[in-house]
Amino acid sequence: MTTSKSKPVFEYRPRRSRLGSWITAAVFFLTFAALSFSLSATTEGGGVMTPADHFAMWGLGVLGALAFLVFSRPRIRVFDHGIEVRNLGSAQVFPWEVVTGLSFPKGVPWATLELADDDEVSLMALQPTDKERALEATRTLRARIDAHRN
C-alpha cells in the first residue's frame, strides 16, 4: 500500500517539538562553529590546531545538528485507505481494518494508536505540548477512526 501517489485527507505535524528541534540544532551547530574559531593555533601541551581540526569541529556541529533534526520527523497522515504514522524512524501504514482506537491519557508524552491485535503504536506527532491544536487533531483522528469502524 503506497501513500506517495494519493493525497492525504488529513495531515498533522507537531509545532512545538519541531520548533524546539530546529532551534536546538541551530544552537548546537553555531556552538561548534564558534568553538572552532576560538581554538588557538597551539595548545598548552605543544599540539598544533590545523585547518583540518577546525573543519572537523564544523563537521561535528553538522552531525550533531542532524541528530537533533531527527526529532522534527514525526507526522500523521490520514488517507482513505488507512493512516500513515511516521515517528523518528520509517513510516508505517495501517489500513483502517486494523485500527480500533486512539488513546491520549493525561500525563503521557504522546498519543497511542490502538490496533486490532491488541498492539499499540505511539503517535509521537500528537503531543500535549501543542495544546489546543493537538486536541483538535485528536478529535479529527477519532472521528475518522469511528467513521471507518462503522
Protein backbone atom coordinates (compact mmCIF):
# COMPACT_ATOMS: atom_id res chain seq x y z
CA MET A 1 0.00 0.00 0.00
CA THR A 2 1.74 3.16 -1.14
CA THR A 3 0.84 6.62 0.04
CA SER A 4 3.08 8.60 -2.27
CA LYS A 5 0.55 8.81 -5.12
CA SER A 6 -2.61 9.51 -3.12
CA LYS A 7 -3.30 12.79 -1.42
CA PRO A 8 -3.81 12.74 2.36
CA VAL A 9 -7.23 13.68 3.71
CA PHE A 10 -5.63 15.00 6.90
CA GLU A 11 -2.03 15.64 7.93
CA TYR A 12 -0.64 16.62 11.30
CA ARG A 13 2.86 17.57 12.42
CA PRO A 14 3.70 18.93 15.86
CA ARG A 15 4.74 22.58 16.06
CA ARG A 16 6.49 22.96 19.39
CA SER A 17 8.73 19.92 19.18
CA ARG A 18 9.69 20.75 15.59
CA LEU A 19 10.49 24.32 16.56
CA GLY A 20 12.47 23.07 19.55
CA SER A 21 14.47 20.62 17.47
CA TRP A 22 15.31 23.27 14.85
CA ILE A 23 16.39 25.78 17.50
CA THR A 24 18.46 23.16 19.33
CA ALA A 25 20.10 22.05 16.08
CA ALA A 26 20.99 25.64 15.18
CA VAL A 27 22.41 26.36 18.64
CA PHE A 28 24.41 23.11 18.57
CA PHE A 29 25.87 23.89 15.14
CA LEU A 30 26.66 27.51 15.99
CA THR A 31 28.32 26.44 19.25
CA PHE A 32 30.66 24.08 17.43
CA ALA A 33 31.33 26.69 14.74
CA ALA A 34 32.22 29.25 17.44
CA LEU A 35 34.41 26.70 19.20
CA SER A 36 36.32 26.06 16.00
CA PHE A 37 37.17 29.76 15.76
CA SER A 38 38.01 30.11 19.45
CA LEU A 39 40.56 27.29 19.49
CA SER A 40 44.07 28.66 19.41
CA ALA A 41 46.68 27.57 16.91
CA THR A 42 48.78 25.80 19.58
CA THR A 43 47.74 24.00 22.72
CA GLU A 44 49.40 24.09 26.14
CA GLY A 45 50.89 20.66 25.50
CA GLY A 46 52.51 21.80 22.27
CA GLY A 47 49.90 20.40 19.90
CA VAL A 48 49.01 22.35 16.78
CA MET A 49 45.46 23.04 15.60
CA THR A 50 45.32 22.71 11.83
CA PRO A 51 42.59 23.86 9.44
CA ALA A 52 41.50 20.22 9.28
CA ASP A 53 40.79 20.32 13.03
CA HIS A 54 38.67 23.43 12.56
CA PHE A 55 36.73 21.79 9.72
CA ALA A 56 36.29 18.71 11.90
CA MET A 57 34.63 20.88 14.55
CA TRP A 58 32.26 22.21 11.88
CA GLY A 59 31.59 18.64 10.78
CA LEU A 60 30.78 17.57 14.34
CA GLY A 61 28.41 20.53 14.57
CA VAL A 62 26.65 19.43 11.39
CA LEU A 63 26.36 15.82 12.57
CA GLY A 64 25.02 16.87 15.96
CA ALA A 65 22.53 19.25 14.36
CA LEU A 66 21.30 16.48 12.06
CA ALA A 67 20.83 14.22 15.07
CA PHE A 68 18.62 16.85 16.71
CA LEU A 69 16.64 17.34 13.50
CA VAL A 70 15.51 13.70 13.64
CA PHE A 71 13.06 14.90 16.30
CA SER A 72 11.32 17.07 13.69
CA ARG A 73 10.26 13.98 11.67
CA PRO A 74 7.08 12.79 13.45
CA ARG A 75 3.97 13.08 11.27
CA ILE A 76 0.50 11.58 10.93
CA ARG A 77 -1.21 11.35 7.55
CA VAL A 78 -4.74 10.08 7.06
CA PHE A 79 -5.77 8.57 3.73
CA ASP A 80 -8.98 6.98 2.52
CA HIS A 81 -7.31 3.55 2.80
CA GLY A 82 -5.62 3.99 6.20
CA ILE A 83 -3.32 6.01 8.40
CA GLU A 84 0.40 6.61 8.00
CA VAL A 85 2.44 7.07 11.17
CA ARG A 86 5.98 8.39 10.99
CA ASN A 87 7.85 8.62 14.25
CA LEU A 88 11.63 9.03 14.42
CA GLY A 89 12.34 6.18 12.03
CA SER A 90 10.48 5.00 8.98
CA ALA A 91 6.79 5.44 8.28
CA GLN A 92 4.24 2.69 8.85
CA VAL A 93 0.87 2.47 7.11
CA PHE A 94 -2.07 0.85 8.90
CA PRO A 95 -5.26 0.05 6.98
CA TRP A 96 -8.49 1.12 8.67
CA GLU A 97 -9.42 -2.52 9.24
CA VAL A 98 -6.69 -2.92 11.89
CA VAL A 99 -7.17 0.44 13.65
CA THR A 100 -9.52 0.20 16.64
CA GLY A 101 -8.98 3.42 18.54
CA LEU A 102 -6.87 6.31 19.74
CA SER A 103 -5.92 6.92 23.35
CA PHE A 104 -4.41 10.09 24.77
CA PRO A 105 -4.46 9.83 28.58
CA LYS A 106 -3.31 12.72 30.72
CA GLY A 107 0.34 12.76 31.68
CA VAL A 108 1.66 10.82 28.69
CA PRO A 109 4.15 12.36 26.23
CA TRP A 110 2.14 11.41 23.10
CA ALA A 111 -0.98 9.65 21.89
CA THR A 112 -1.28 5.95 21.10
CA LEU A 113 -2.95 4.29 18.13
CA GLU A 114 -4.72 1.08 19.18
CA LEU A 115 -4.69 -1.81 16.73
CA ALA A 116 -6.93 -4.87 16.31
CA ASP A 117 -4.35 -7.40 17.54
CA ASP A 118 -4.10 -5.62 20.94
CA ASP A 119 -0.98 -3.89 19.71
CA GLU A 120 -0.30 -0.19 20.13
CA VAL A 121 1.71 2.29 18.11
CA SER A 122 2.99 5.55 19.56
CA LEU A 123 1.97 8.69 17.71
CA MET A 124 4.92 10.92 18.54
CA ALA A 125 3.48 13.68 16.37
CA LEU A 126 0.47 14.08 18.65
CA GLN A 127 1.86 15.71 21.80
CA PRO A 128 0.15 17.63 24.61
CA THR A 129 2.65 20.49 24.25
CA ASP A 130 0.70 21.62 21.17
CA LYS A 131 -2.34 22.05 23.42
CA GLU A 132 -5.49 23.09 21.53
CA ARG A 133 -4.03 22.16 18.17
CA ALA A 134 -3.26 18.61 19.39
CA LEU A 135 -6.72 18.35 20.92
CA GLU A 136 -8.36 19.27 17.61
CA ALA A 137 -6.17 16.75 15.76
CA THR A 138 -7.17 14.07 18.29
CA ARG A 139 -10.84 14.82 17.69
CA THR A 140 -10.34 14.67 13.92
CA LEU A 141 -8.47 11.35 14.11
CA ARG A 142 -11.08 9.82 16.41
CA ALA A 143 -13.85 10.92 14.05
CA ARG A 144 -12.04 9.31 11.10
CA ILE A 145 -11.46 6.10 13.06
CA ASP A 146 -15.12 5.96 14.09
CA ALA A 147 -16.26 6.62 10.52
CA HIS A 148 -14.23 3.70 9.20
CA ARG A 149 -15.27 1.36 12.01
CA ASN A 150 -18.96 1.75 11.25
